[in-house]
C-alpha cells in the first residue's frame, strides 16, 4: 500500500488530553488524482475483505465500527465506499434514527446491544448509543420529556450524562473482553464545509431529499455539540477501544484514513484461517482420494 499515513495523528487511545479545537478538519491530500484514489480505496477493500473472511472462518472475534458525526459529514458515503468490497455475509449495518416507542421502553443502550455483531462478523453502527450523550445533552428535553425516566434520575442532568459516559466506557470494555473490538470514528467536518454541503443539497434537485428542515437549526448548537463530542471522546477513548478523529472536509481523504485505520486494527487481531485437527485432515484426504478415483 503506497500511502504515507501516520495513524497516530488520528487515533485517540487515551482521551484525557483530547481537545476538539486541536483536531483537524482537513489535511494535505493523500491521493494524486481520482484514479490514484480509486486504486488506493480498492486495495484497502481487498485487504479488509481478506481479513474479514479469516475472521468469519476463525469464528472467535467480532468487530464493531461506530460512526458519529455532525450532519453532512459523510457517514453514509464513507460506510458505502469503505465496506462495499467486503462480503455481505459477514457485515451488518445498522442506522439508528429517532427511537421507537418500543425502544423507549428499554434502557438507553438496549436498541444497540441487541444488534451487536456475532463472532466472525463486522457490525457497523451509523450513529449509536453515543447519541444518548450527544443530541440528548444538547436537547435535554429528550431525556426529561420523552424518555420516561424516573424523576430521581433526571433531576441532575450533569450526573445523568456523566453516568451514561461511564456506562458506555464499561460496556465497551465488556465487549472487548468478550471478543468484540470496538472502533469509534468521529468524522470531523468544519462548520464552513457543512454549510457548503447543505447549500449543495438545496441547489441540486437530486440531493433535495437529503436536506431536512431541522438541519440548519442544529447549526445554532454547534458549540454545544462540540463540547459534547469532546467530553464523550475524553471519557471513552481507551487503548482497547480507541476513537479515531478523522478530518472530514475532503471526503476522499476521509475514506482513505478510515480504511487504513480499519485495516491496521484488523491486522492487530491476528486473524487467520483455523487449522484442522489431524483427524479431520485425514477425512479430507480420504474425500480427495474418492473424488479423484471417480
C-alpha atoms as a PDB file:
ATOM      1  CA  UNK A   1       0.000   0.000   0.000  1.00  0.00           C
ATOM      2  CA  UNK A   2       1.723   3.150  -1.191  1.00  0.00           C
ATOM      3  CA  UNK A   3       0.172   5.629   1.215  1.00  0.00           C
ATOM      4  CA  UNK A   4       2.152   7.876   3.523  1.00  0.00           C
ATOM      5  CA  UNK A   5      -0.008   7.958   6.612  1.00  0.00           C
ATOM      6  CA  UNK A   6       0.658   8.031  10.359  1.00  0.00           C
ATOM      7  CA  UNK A   7      -2.500   6.791  12.047  1.00  0.00           C
ATOM      8  CA  UNK A   8      -1.262   8.093  15.395  1.00  0.00           C
ATOM      9  CA  UNK A   9      -2.201  11.540  14.084  1.00  0.00           C
ATOM     10  CA  UNK A  10      -5.864  10.483  14.230  1.00  0.00           C
ATOM     11  CA  UNK A  11      -6.019   7.686  16.816  1.00  0.00           C
ATOM     12  CA  UNK A  12      -7.051   8.694  20.338  1.00  0.00           C
ATOM     13  CA  UNK A  13      -6.169   5.825  22.710  1.00  0.00           C
ATOM     14  CA  UNK A  14      -6.402   7.965  25.864  1.00  0.00           C
ATOM     15  CA  UNK A  15      -8.913  10.777  25.864  1.00  0.00           C
ATOM     16  CA  UNK A  16      -7.646  12.685  28.879  1.00  0.00           C
ATOM     17  CA  UNK A  17      -5.667  15.185  26.823  1.00  0.00           C
ATOM     18  CA  UNK A  18      -8.039  15.374  23.869  1.00  0.00           C
ATOM     19  CA  UNK A  19      -9.170  18.842  22.788  1.00  0.00           C
ATOM     20  CA  UNK A  20     -11.536  19.132  19.866  1.00  0.00           C
ATOM     21  CA  UNK A  21     -10.185  22.576  18.899  1.00  0.00           C
ATOM     22  CA  UNK A  22      -6.852  20.941  18.105  1.00  0.00           C
ATOM     23  CA  UNK A  23      -8.416  18.268  15.879  1.00  0.00           C
ATOM     24  CA  UNK A  24      -8.012  18.958  12.172  1.00  0.00           C
ATOM     25  CA  UNK A  25     -10.904  19.013   9.722  1.00  0.00           C
ATOM     26  CA  UNK A  26      -8.615  18.994   6.672  1.00  0.00           C
ATOM     27  CA  UNK A  27      -5.154  17.634   5.855  1.00  0.00           C
ATOM     28  CA  UNK A  28      -2.945  17.503   2.778  1.00  0.00           C
ATOM     29  CA  UNK A  29      -4.336  15.291   0.052  1.00  0.00           C
ATOM     30  CA  UNK A  30      -3.293  11.647   0.344  1.00  0.00           C
ATOM     31  CA  UNK A  31      -4.007  10.889  -3.315  1.00  0.00           C
ATOM     32  CA  UNK A  32      -2.624  12.379  -6.539  1.00  0.00           C
ATOM     33  CA  UNK A  33      -5.855  12.302  -8.537  1.00  0.00           C
ATOM     34  CA  UNK A  34      -9.153  10.431  -8.777  1.00  0.00           C
ATOM     35  CA  UNK A  35      -7.566   7.414 -10.454  1.00  0.00           C
ATOM     36  CA  UNK A  36      -4.964   7.142  -7.684  1.00  0.00           C
ATOM     37  CA  UNK A  37      -7.707   7.430  -5.058  1.00  0.00           C
ATOM     38  CA  UNK A  38      -9.747   4.664  -6.688  1.00  0.00           C
ATOM     39  CA  UNK A  39      -6.742   2.344  -6.805  1.00  0.00           C
ATOM     40  CA  UNK A  40      -5.961   3.003  -3.130  1.00  0.00           C
ATOM     41  CA  UNK A  41      -9.514   2.503  -1.875  1.00  0.00           C
ATOM     42  CA  UNK A  42      -9.863  -0.681  -3.971  1.00  0.00           C
ATOM     43  CA  UNK A  43      -6.691  -2.107  -2.460  1.00  0.00           C
ATOM     44  CA  UNK A  44      -7.941  -1.345   1.038  1.00  0.00           C
ATOM     45  CA  UNK A  45     -11.262  -3.067   0.296  1.00  0.00           C
ATOM     46  CA  UNK A  46      -9.474  -6.180  -0.929  1.00  0.00           C
ATOM     47  CA  UNK A  47      -7.294  -6.421   2.179  1.00  0.00           C
ATOM     48  CA  UNK A  48     -10.187  -5.739   4.556  1.00  0.00           C
ATOM     49  CA  UNK A  49     -12.288  -8.382   2.796  1.00  0.00           C
ATOM     50  CA  UNK A  50      -9.463 -10.925   3.063  1.00  0.00           C
ATOM     51  CA  UNK A  51      -9.167 -10.321   6.817  1.00  0.00           C
ATOM     52  CA  UNK A  52     -12.930 -10.451   7.276  1.00  0.00           C
ATOM     53  CA  UNK A  53     -13.035 -13.867   5.614  1.00  0.00           C
ATOM     54  CA  UNK A  54     -10.392 -15.065   8.067  1.00  0.00           C
ATOM     55  CA  UNK A  55     -12.426 -13.570  10.924  1.00  0.00           C
ATOM     56  CA  UNK A  56     -15.524 -15.406   9.694  1.00  0.00           C
ATOM     57  CA  UNK A  57     -13.676 -18.717   9.421  1.00  0.00           C
ATOM     58  CA  UNK A  58     -11.932 -18.286  12.771  1.00  0.00           C
ATOM     59  CA  UNK A  59     -15.289 -17.540  14.450  1.00  0.00           C
ATOM     60  CA  UNK A  60     -13.731 -16.212  17.665  1.00  0.00           C
ATOM     61  CA  UNK A  61     -13.775 -12.437  17.327  1.00  0.00           C
ATOM     62  CA  UNK A  62     -16.025  -9.673  16.000  1.00  0.00           C
ATOM     63  CA  UNK A  63     -15.529  -6.052  15.023  1.00  0.00           C
ATOM     64  CA  UNK A  64     -17.861  -3.147  15.776  1.00  0.00           C
ATOM     65  CA  UNK A  65     -17.371   0.079  13.822  1.00  0.00           C
ATOM     66  CA  UNK A  66     -19.157   3.102  15.295  1.00  0.00           C
ATOM     67  CA  UNK A  67     -19.574   6.191  13.104  1.00  0.00           C
ATOM     68  CA  UNK A  68     -20.534   9.526  14.647  1.00  0.00           C
ATOM     69  CA  UNK A  69     -20.552  12.963  13.044  1.00  0.00           C
ATOM     70  CA  UNK A  70     -22.414  16.179  12.519  1.00  0.00           C
ATOM     71  CA  UNK A  71     -24.927  16.215   9.663  1.00  0.00           C
ATOM     72  CA  UNK A  72     -23.421  16.171   6.140  1.00  0.00           C
ATOM     73  CA  UNK A  73     -20.036  14.907   7.346  1.00  0.00           C
ATOM     74  CA  UNK A  74     -20.325  11.841   5.123  1.00  0.00           C
ATOM     75  CA  UNK A  75     -21.146   8.868   7.348  1.00  0.00           C
ATOM     76  CA  UNK A  76     -23.330   7.102   4.781  1.00  0.00           C
ATOM     77  CA  UNK A  77     -20.923   7.522   1.885  1.00  0.00           C
ATOM     78  CA  UNK A  78     -17.920   6.515   3.978  1.00  0.00           C
ATOM     79  CA  UNK A  79     -19.573   3.281   5.055  1.00  0.00           C
ATOM     80  CA  UNK A  80     -20.593   2.610   1.458  1.00  0.00           C
ATOM     81  CA  UNK A  81     -17.206   3.330  -0.134  1.00  0.00           C
ATOM     82  CA  UNK A  82     -15.047   1.653   2.502  1.00  0.00           C
ATOM     83  CA  UNK A  83     -17.069  -1.518   3.029  1.00  0.00           C
ATOM     84  CA  UNK A  84     -18.605  -2.097  -0.421  1.00  0.00           C
ATOM     85  CA  UNK A  85     -15.988  -4.706  -1.315  1.00  0.00           C
ATOM     86  CA  UNK A  86     -16.497  -6.814   1.803  1.00  0.00           C
ATOM     87  CA  UNK A  87     -18.569 -10.000   1.624  1.00  0.00           C
ATOM     88  CA  UNK A  88     -22.084  -9.034   2.720  1.00  0.00           C
ATOM     89  CA  UNK A  89     -22.438 -12.348   4.542  1.00  0.00           C
ATOM     90  CA  UNK A  90     -20.015 -11.072   7.159  1.00  0.00           C
ATOM     91  CA  UNK A  91     -21.181  -7.448   7.545  1.00  0.00           C
ATOM     92  CA  UNK A  92     -24.293  -5.882   9.065  1.00  0.00           C
ATOM     93  CA  UNK A  93     -25.073  -2.151   9.000  1.00  0.00           C
ATOM     94  CA  UNK A  94     -27.492  -0.576  11.470  1.00  0.00           C
ATOM     95  CA  UNK A  95     -28.606   3.059  11.247  1.00  0.00           C
ATOM     96  CA  UNK A  96     -30.115   4.477  14.413  1.00  0.00           C
ATOM     97  CA  UNK A  97     -32.711   7.180  13.908  1.00  0.00           C
ATOM     98  CA  UNK A  98     -35.301   8.611  16.306  1.00  0.00           C
ATOM     99  CA  UNK A  99     -36.105   5.896  18.906  1.00  0.00           C
ATOM    100  CA  UNK A 100     -39.355   3.989  18.509  1.00  0.00           C
ATOM    101  CA  UNK A 101     -41.881   3.632  21.307  1.00  0.00           C
ATOM    102  CA  UNK A 102     -40.664   0.075  21.929  1.00  0.00           C
ATOM    103  CA  UNK A 103     -37.065   1.257  22.173  1.00  0.00           C
ATOM    104  CA  UNK A 104     -38.050   3.982  24.629  1.00  0.00           C
ATOM    105  CA  UNK A 105     -39.492   1.290  26.893  1.00  0.00           C
ATOM    106  CA  UNK A 106     -35.986  -0.082  27.461  1.00  0.00           C
ATOM    107  CA  UNK A 107     -32.672   1.154  28.820  1.00  0.00           C
ATOM    108  CA  UNK A 108     -30.729   3.638  26.696  1.00  0.00           C
ATOM    109  CA  UNK A 109     -28.399   1.015  25.221  1.00  0.00           C
ATOM    110  CA  UNK A 110     -30.942  -1.716  24.534  1.00  0.00           C
ATOM    111  CA  UNK A 111     -31.551  -0.961  20.872  1.00  0.00           C
ATOM    112  CA  UNK A 112     -27.825  -1.150  20.094  1.00  0.00           C
ATOM    113  CA  UNK A 113     -26.786  -4.045  22.339  1.00  0.00           C
ATOM    114  CA  UNK A 114     -29.429  -6.282  20.783  1.00  0.00           C
ATOM    115  CA  UNK A 115     -27.730  -5.993  17.378  1.00  0.00           C
ATOM    116  CA  UNK A 116     -24.096  -6.371  18.374  1.00  0.00           C
ATOM    117  CA  UNK A 117     -22.125  -8.377  15.784  1.00  0.00           C
ATOM    118  CA  UNK A 118     -21.859 -12.114  16.231  1.00  0.00           C
ATOM    119  CA  UNK A 119     -18.454 -13.780  16.270  1.00  0.00           C
ATOM    120  CA  UNK A 120     -16.814 -13.711  12.868  1.00  0.00           C
ATOM    121  CA  UNK A 121     -18.726 -10.658  11.684  1.00  0.00           C
ATOM    122  CA  UNK A 122     -18.345  -6.912  11.325  1.00  0.00           C
ATOM    123  CA  UNK A 123     -21.101  -4.722  12.735  1.00  0.00           C
ATOM    124  CA  UNK A 124     -21.416  -1.106  11.617  1.00  0.00           C
ATOM    125  CA  UNK A 125     -23.365   1.471  13.607  1.00  0.00           C
ATOM    126  CA  UNK A 126     -24.382   4.595  11.685  1.00  0.00           C
ATOM    127  CA  UNK A 127     -24.915   6.697  14.806  1.00  0.00           C
ATOM    128  CA  UNK A 128     -25.114   4.709  18.020  1.00  0.00           C
ATOM    129  CA  UNK A 129     -25.566   4.751  21.770  1.00  0.00           C
ATOM    130  CA  UNK A 130     -23.394   7.883  21.737  1.00  0.00           C
ATOM    131  CA  UNK A 131     -26.472   9.847  20.635  1.00  0.00           C
ATOM    132  CA  UNK A 132     -27.573   9.486  24.251  1.00  0.00           C
ATOM    133  CA  UNK A 133     -24.724  11.758  25.370  1.00  0.00           C
ATOM    134  CA  UNK A 134     -24.707  13.985  22.272  1.00  0.00           C
ATOM    135  CA  UNK A 135     -28.115  15.050  20.981  1.00  0.00           C
ATOM    136  CA  UNK A 136     -29.712  14.257  24.349  1.00  0.00           C
ATOM    137  CA  UNK A 137     -27.208  16.515  26.069  1.00  0.00           C
ATOM    138  CA  UNK A 138     -27.745  19.348  23.582  1.00  0.00           C
ATOM    139  CA  UNK A 139     -31.527  18.857  23.810  1.00  0.00           C
ATOM    140  CA  UNK A 140     -32.123  17.660  27.404  1.00  0.00           C
ATOM    141  CA  UNK A 141     -35.888  17.801  26.895  1.00  0.00           C
ATOM    142  CA  UNK A 142     -35.484  14.469  25.095  1.00  0.00           C
ATOM    143  CA  UNK A 143     -34.455  12.978  28.425  1.00  0.00           C
ATOM    144  CA  UNK A 144     -36.877  14.846  30.645  1.00  0.00           C
ATOM    145  CA  UNK A 145     -39.992  14.688  28.452  1.00  0.00           C
ATOM    146  CA  UNK A 146     -39.615  11.792  26.009  1.00  0.00           C
ATOM    147  CA  UNK A 147     -37.530   9.044  27.598  1.00  0.00           C
ATOM    148  CA  UNK A 148     -39.942   8.483  30.503  1.00  0.00           C
ATOM    149  CA  UNK A 149     -37.215   8.133  33.121  1.00  0.00           C
ATOM    150  CA  UNK A 150     -37.817   8.390  36.886  1.00  0.00           C
ATOM    151  CA  UNK A 151     -37.670  11.931  38.260  1.00  0.00           C
ATOM    152  CA  UNK A 152     -34.909  10.832  40.623  1.00  0.00           C
ATOM    153  CA  UNK A 153     -32.764  10.123  37.558  1.00  0.00           C
ATOM    154  CA  UNK A 154     -33.459  13.334  35.664  1.00  0.00           C
ATOM    155  CA  UNK A 155     -33.249  15.866  38.472  1.00  0.00           C
ATOM    156  CA  UNK A 156     -29.458  16.131  37.994  1.00  0.00           C
ATOM    157  CA  UNK A 157     -28.723  16.000  34.260  1.00  0.00           C
ATOM    158  CA  UNK A 158     -24.994  16.625  34.623  1.00  0.00           C
ATOM    159  CA  UNK A 159     -24.745  13.480  36.736  1.00  0.00           C
ATOM    160  CA  UNK A 160     -27.003  11.559  34.329  1.00  0.00           C
ATOM    161  CA  UNK A 161     -24.764  12.257  31.329  1.00  0.00           C
ATOM    162  CA  UNK A 162     -21.584  11.607  33.330  1.00  0.00           C
ATOM    163  CA  UNK A 163     -23.039   8.270  34.422  1.00  0.00           C
ATOM    164  CA  UNK A 164     -24.002   7.404  30.843  1.00  0.00           C
ATOM    165  CA  UNK A 165     -20.440   8.032  29.683  1.00  0.00           C
ATOM    166  CA  UNK A 166     -19.148   5.737  32.435  1.00  0.00           C
ATOM    167  CA  UNK A 167     -21.682   3.109  31.391  1.00  0.00           C
ATOM    168  CA  UNK A 168     -20.543   3.372  27.768  1.00  0.00           C
ATOM    169  CA  UNK A 169     -16.878   3.071  28.712  1.00  0.00           C
ATOM    170  CA  UNK A 170     -17.630  -0.001  30.846  1.00  0.00           C
ATOM    171  CA  UNK A 171     -19.828  -1.504  28.132  1.00  0.00           C
ATOM    172  CA  UNK A 172     -17.096  -1.167  25.520  1.00  0.00           C
ATOM    173  CA  UNK A 173     -14.595  -2.790  27.875  1.00  0.00           C
ATOM    174  CA  UNK A 174     -17.112  -5.608  28.359  1.00  0.00           C
ATOM    175  CA  UNK A 175     -17.350  -6.022  24.574  1.00  0.00           C
ATOM    176  CA  UNK A 176     -13.577  -6.142  24.259  1.00  0.00           C
ATOM    177  CA  UNK A 177     -13.324  -8.823  26.951  1.00  0.00           C
ATOM    178  CA  UNK A 178     -15.875 -10.859  25.020  1.00  0.00           C
ATOM    179  CA  UNK A 179     -14.015 -10.729  21.723  1.00  0.00           C
ATOM    180  CA  UNK A 180     -15.667  -7.677  20.129  1.00  0.00           C
ATOM    181  CA  UNK A 181     -13.189  -4.988  19.096  1.00  0.00           C
ATOM    182  CA  UNK A 182     -14.926  -1.595  19.219  1.00  0.00           C
ATOM    183  CA  UNK A 183     -13.557   1.139  16.954  1.00  0.00           C
ATOM    184  CA  UNK A 184     -15.160   4.577  17.028  1.00  0.00           C
ATOM    185  CA  UNK A 185     -14.891   7.159  14.273  1.00  0.00           C
ATOM    186  CA  UNK A 186     -15.720  10.836  14.652  1.00  0.00           C
ATOM    187  CA  UNK A 187     -15.863  12.336  11.160  1.00  0.00           C
ATOM    188  CA  UNK A 188     -14.757  15.860  11.964  1.00  0.00           C
ATOM    189  CA  UNK A 189     -16.289  18.258   9.433  1.00  0.00           C
ATOM    190  CA  UNK A 190     -15.889  22.028   9.779  1.00  0.00           C
ATOM    191  CA  UNK A 191     -18.888  24.292  10.178  1.00  0.00           C
ATOM    192  CA  UNK A 192     -17.892  26.084   6.958  1.00  0.00           C
ATOM    193  CA  UNK A 193     -17.763  22.842   4.956  1.00  0.00           C
ATOM    194  CA  UNK A 194     -21.089  21.711   6.389  1.00  0.00           C
ATOM    195  CA  UNK A 195     -22.645  24.955   5.142  1.00  0.00           C
ATOM    196  CA  UNK A 196     -21.289  24.288   1.623  1.00  0.00           C
ATOM    197  CA  UNK A 197     -22.751  20.774   1.629  1.00  0.00           C
ATOM    198  CA  UNK A 198     -26.132  21.966   2.881  1.00  0.00           C
ATOM    199  CA  UNK A 199     -26.258  24.555   0.091  1.00  0.00           C
ATOM    200  CA  UNK A 200     -25.319  21.869  -2.435  1.00  0.00           C
ATOM    201  CA  UNK A 201     -28.226  19.743  -1.210  1.00  0.00           C
ATOM    202  CA  UNK A 202     -30.607  22.663  -1.623  1.00  0.00           C
ATOM    203  CA  UNK A 203     -29.277  23.710  -5.042  1.00  0.00           C
ATOM    204  CA  UNK A 204     -29.136  20.220  -6.535  1.00  0.00           C
ATOM    205  CA  UNK A 205     -32.588  18.678  -7.180  1.00  0.00           C
ATOM    206  CA  UNK A 206     -31.259  15.125  -6.938  1.00  0.00           C
ATOM    207  CA  UNK A 207     -29.946  15.908  -3.438  1.00  0.00           C
ATOM    208  CA  UNK A 208     -33.006  17.767  -2.131  1.00  0.00           C
ATOM    209  CA  UNK A 209     -34.275  14.656  -0.392  1.00  0.00           C
ATOM    210  CA  UNK A 210     -31.190  14.624   1.854  1.00  0.00           C
ATOM    211  CA  UNK A 211     -31.995  18.015   3.340  1.00  0.00           C
ATOM    212  CA  UNK A 212     -34.194  18.267   6.406  1.00  0.00           C
ATOM    213  CA  UNK A 213     -35.668  21.457   7.785  1.00  0.00           C
ATOM    214  CA  UNK A 214     -34.110  20.928  11.198  1.00  0.00           C
ATOM    215  CA  UNK A 215     -30.570  20.596   9.815  1.00  0.00           C
ATOM    216  CA  UNK A 216     -29.941  24.343   9.717  1.00  0.00           C
ATOM    217  CA  UNK A 217     -31.441  24.807  13.159  1.00  0.00           C
ATOM    218  CA  UNK A 218     -28.974  22.348  14.654  1.00  0.00           C
ATOM    219  CA  UNK A 219     -26.095  24.506  13.416  1.00  0.00           C
ATOM    220  CA  UNK A 220     -27.092  27.031  16.064  1.00  0.00           C
ATOM    221  CA  UNK A 221     -25.996  24.448  18.636  1.00  0.00           C
ATOM    222  CA  UNK A 222     -22.582  23.786  17.047  1.00  0.00           C
ATOM    223  CA  UNK A 223     -20.628  24.854  20.138  1.00  0.00           C
ATOM    224  CA  UNK A 224     -22.731  22.645  22.413  1.00  0.00           C
ATOM    225  CA  UNK A 225     -22.278  19.666  20.097  1.00  0.00           C
ATOM    226  CA  UNK A 226     -18.514  20.154  20.010  1.00  0.00           C
ATOM    227  CA  UNK A 227     -18.423  20.255  23.800  1.00  0.00           C
ATOM    228  CA  UNK A 228     -20.493  17.066  23.952  1.00  0.00           C
ATOM    229  CA  UNK A 229     -18.226  15.284  21.447  1.00  0.00           C
ATOM    230  CA  UNK A 230     -15.119  16.399  23.311  1.00  0.00           C
ATOM    231  CA  UNK A 231     -16.418  15.080  26.632  1.00  0.00           C
ATOM    232  CA  UNK A 232     -17.521  11.787  25.047  1.00  0.00           C
ATOM    233  CA  UNK A 233     -14.117  11.204  23.481  1.00  0.00           C
ATOM    234  CA  UNK A 234     -12.229  12.283  26.584  1.00  0.00           C
ATOM    235  CA  UNK A 235     -14.099   9.812  28.784  1.00  0.00           C
ATOM    236  CA  UNK A 236     -14.442   6.799  26.453  1.00  0.00           C
ATOM    237  CA  UNK A 237     -11.224   6.737  24.401  1.00  0.00           C
ATOM    238  CA  UNK A 238      -9.041   3.859  25.602  1.00  0.00           C
ATOM    239  CA  UNK A 239      -6.195   1.830  24.161  1.00  0.00           C
ATOM    240  CA  UNK A 240      -8.507  -1.180  23.818  1.00  0.00           C
ATOM    241  CA  UNK A 241     -11.447   0.805  22.364  1.00  0.00           C
ATOM    242  CA  UNK A 242      -9.946   3.899  20.712  1.00  0.00           C
ATOM    243  CA  UNK A 243     -11.548   6.813  18.935  1.00  0.00           C
ATOM    244  CA  UNK A 244     -10.327   7.934  15.527  1.00  0.00           C
ATOM    245  CA  UNK A 245     -10.927  11.621  14.862  1.00  0.00           C
ATOM    246  CA  UNK A 246     -10.916  11.875  11.083  1.00  0.00           C
ATOM    247  CA  UNK A 247     -10.630  15.132   9.079  1.00  0.00           C
ATOM    248  CA  UNK A 248     -13.833  15.144   7.018  1.00  0.00           C
ATOM    249  CA  UNK A 249     -13.672  18.248   4.810  1.00  0.00           C
ATOM    250  CA  UNK A 250     -12.198  16.128   1.996  1.00  0.00           C
ATOM    251  CA  UNK A 251     -14.357  13.008   1.658  1.00  0.00           C
ATOM    252  CA  UNK A 252     -11.806  11.006  -0.309  1.00  0.00           C
ATOM    253  CA  UNK A 253      -9.097  11.668   2.270  1.00  0.00           C
ATOM    254  CA  UNK A 254     -11.565  10.745   4.998  1.00  0.00           C
ATOM    255  CA  UNK A 255     -12.389   7.403   3.403  1.00  0.00           C
ATOM    256  CA  UNK A 256      -8.729   6.515   2.911  1.00  0.00           C
ATOM    257  CA  UNK A 257      -7.877   7.285   6.554  1.00  0.00           C
ATOM    258  CA  UNK A 258     -10.869   5.316   7.816  1.00  0.00           C
ATOM    259  CA  UNK A 259      -9.887   2.381   5.575  1.00  0.00           C
ATOM    260  CA  UNK A 260      -6.299   2.471   6.783  1.00  0.00           C
ATOM    261  CA  UNK A 261      -7.428   2.547  10.409  1.00  0.00           C
ATOM    262  CA  UNK A 262      -9.799  -0.394   9.997  1.00  0.00           C
ATOM    263  CA  UNK A 263      -7.136  -2.408   8.199  1.00  0.00           C
ATOM    264  CA  UNK A 264      -4.485  -1.674  10.834  1.00  0.00           C
ATOM    265  CA  UNK A 265      -6.791  -2.615  13.706  1.00  0.00           C
ATOM    266  CA  UNK A 266      -7.910  -5.804  11.969  1.00  0.00           C
ATOM    267  CA  UNK A 267      -4.278  -6.804  11.466  1.00  0.00           C
ATOM    268  CA  UNK A 268      -3.768  -6.414  15.215  1.00  0.00           C
ATOM    269  CA  UNK A 269      -6.485  -9.038  15.806  1.00  0.00           C
ATOM    270  CA  UNK A 270      -4.172 -11.777  14.472  1.00  0.00           C
ATOM    271  CA  UNK A 271      -6.863 -13.243  12.247  1.00  0.00           C
ATOM    272  CA  UNK A 272      -6.129 -16.493  10.440  1.00  0.00           C
ATOM    273  CA  UNK A 273      -7.870 -19.478   8.958  1.00  0.00           C
ATOM    274  CA  UNK A 274      -8.320 -22.239  11.543  1.00  0.00           C
ATOM    275  CA  UNK A 275      -6.039 -25.258  11.258  1.00  0.00           C
ATOM    276  CA  UNK A 276      -7.913 -28.542  11.213  1.00  0.00           C
ATOM    277  CA  UNK A 277      -7.018 -31.262  13.742  1.00  0.00           C
ATOM    278  CA  UNK A 278      -5.203 -34.356  12.383  1.00  0.00           C
ATOM    279  CA  UNK A 279      -8.360 -36.487  12.345  1.00  0.00           C
ATOM    280  CA  UNK A 280     -10.241 -34.009  10.136  1.00  0.00           C
ATOM    281  CA  UNK A 281      -7.255 -33.734   7.814  1.00  0.00           C
ATOM    282  CA  UNK A 282      -7.415 -37.499   7.343  1.00  0.00           C
ATOM    283  CA  UNK A 283     -11.085 -37.211   6.369  1.00  0.00           C
ATOM    284  CA  UNK A 284     -10.187 -34.520   3.830  1.00  0.00           C
ATOM    285  CA  UNK A 285      -7.531 -36.698   2.249  1.00  0.00           C
ATOM    286  CA  UNK A 286      -9.930 -39.619   2.140  1.00  0.00           C
ATOM    287  CA  UNK A 287     -12.548 -37.453   0.431  1.00  0.00           C
ATOM    288  CA  UNK A 288      -9.922 -36.244  -2.034  1.00  0.00           C
ATOM    289  CA  UNK A 289      -8.961 -39.835  -2.950  1.00  0.00           C
ATOM    290  CA  UNK A 290     -12.614 -40.742  -3.509  1.00  0.00           C
ATOM    291  CA  UNK A 291     -13.152 -37.733  -5.794  1.00  0.00           C
ATOM    292  CA  UNK A 292     -10.004 -38.454  -7.816  1.00  0.00           C
ATOM    293  CA  UNK A 293     -10.985 -42.099  -8.186  1.00  0.00           C
ATOM    294  CA  UNK A 294     -14.319 -41.239  -9.877  1.00  0.00           C
END
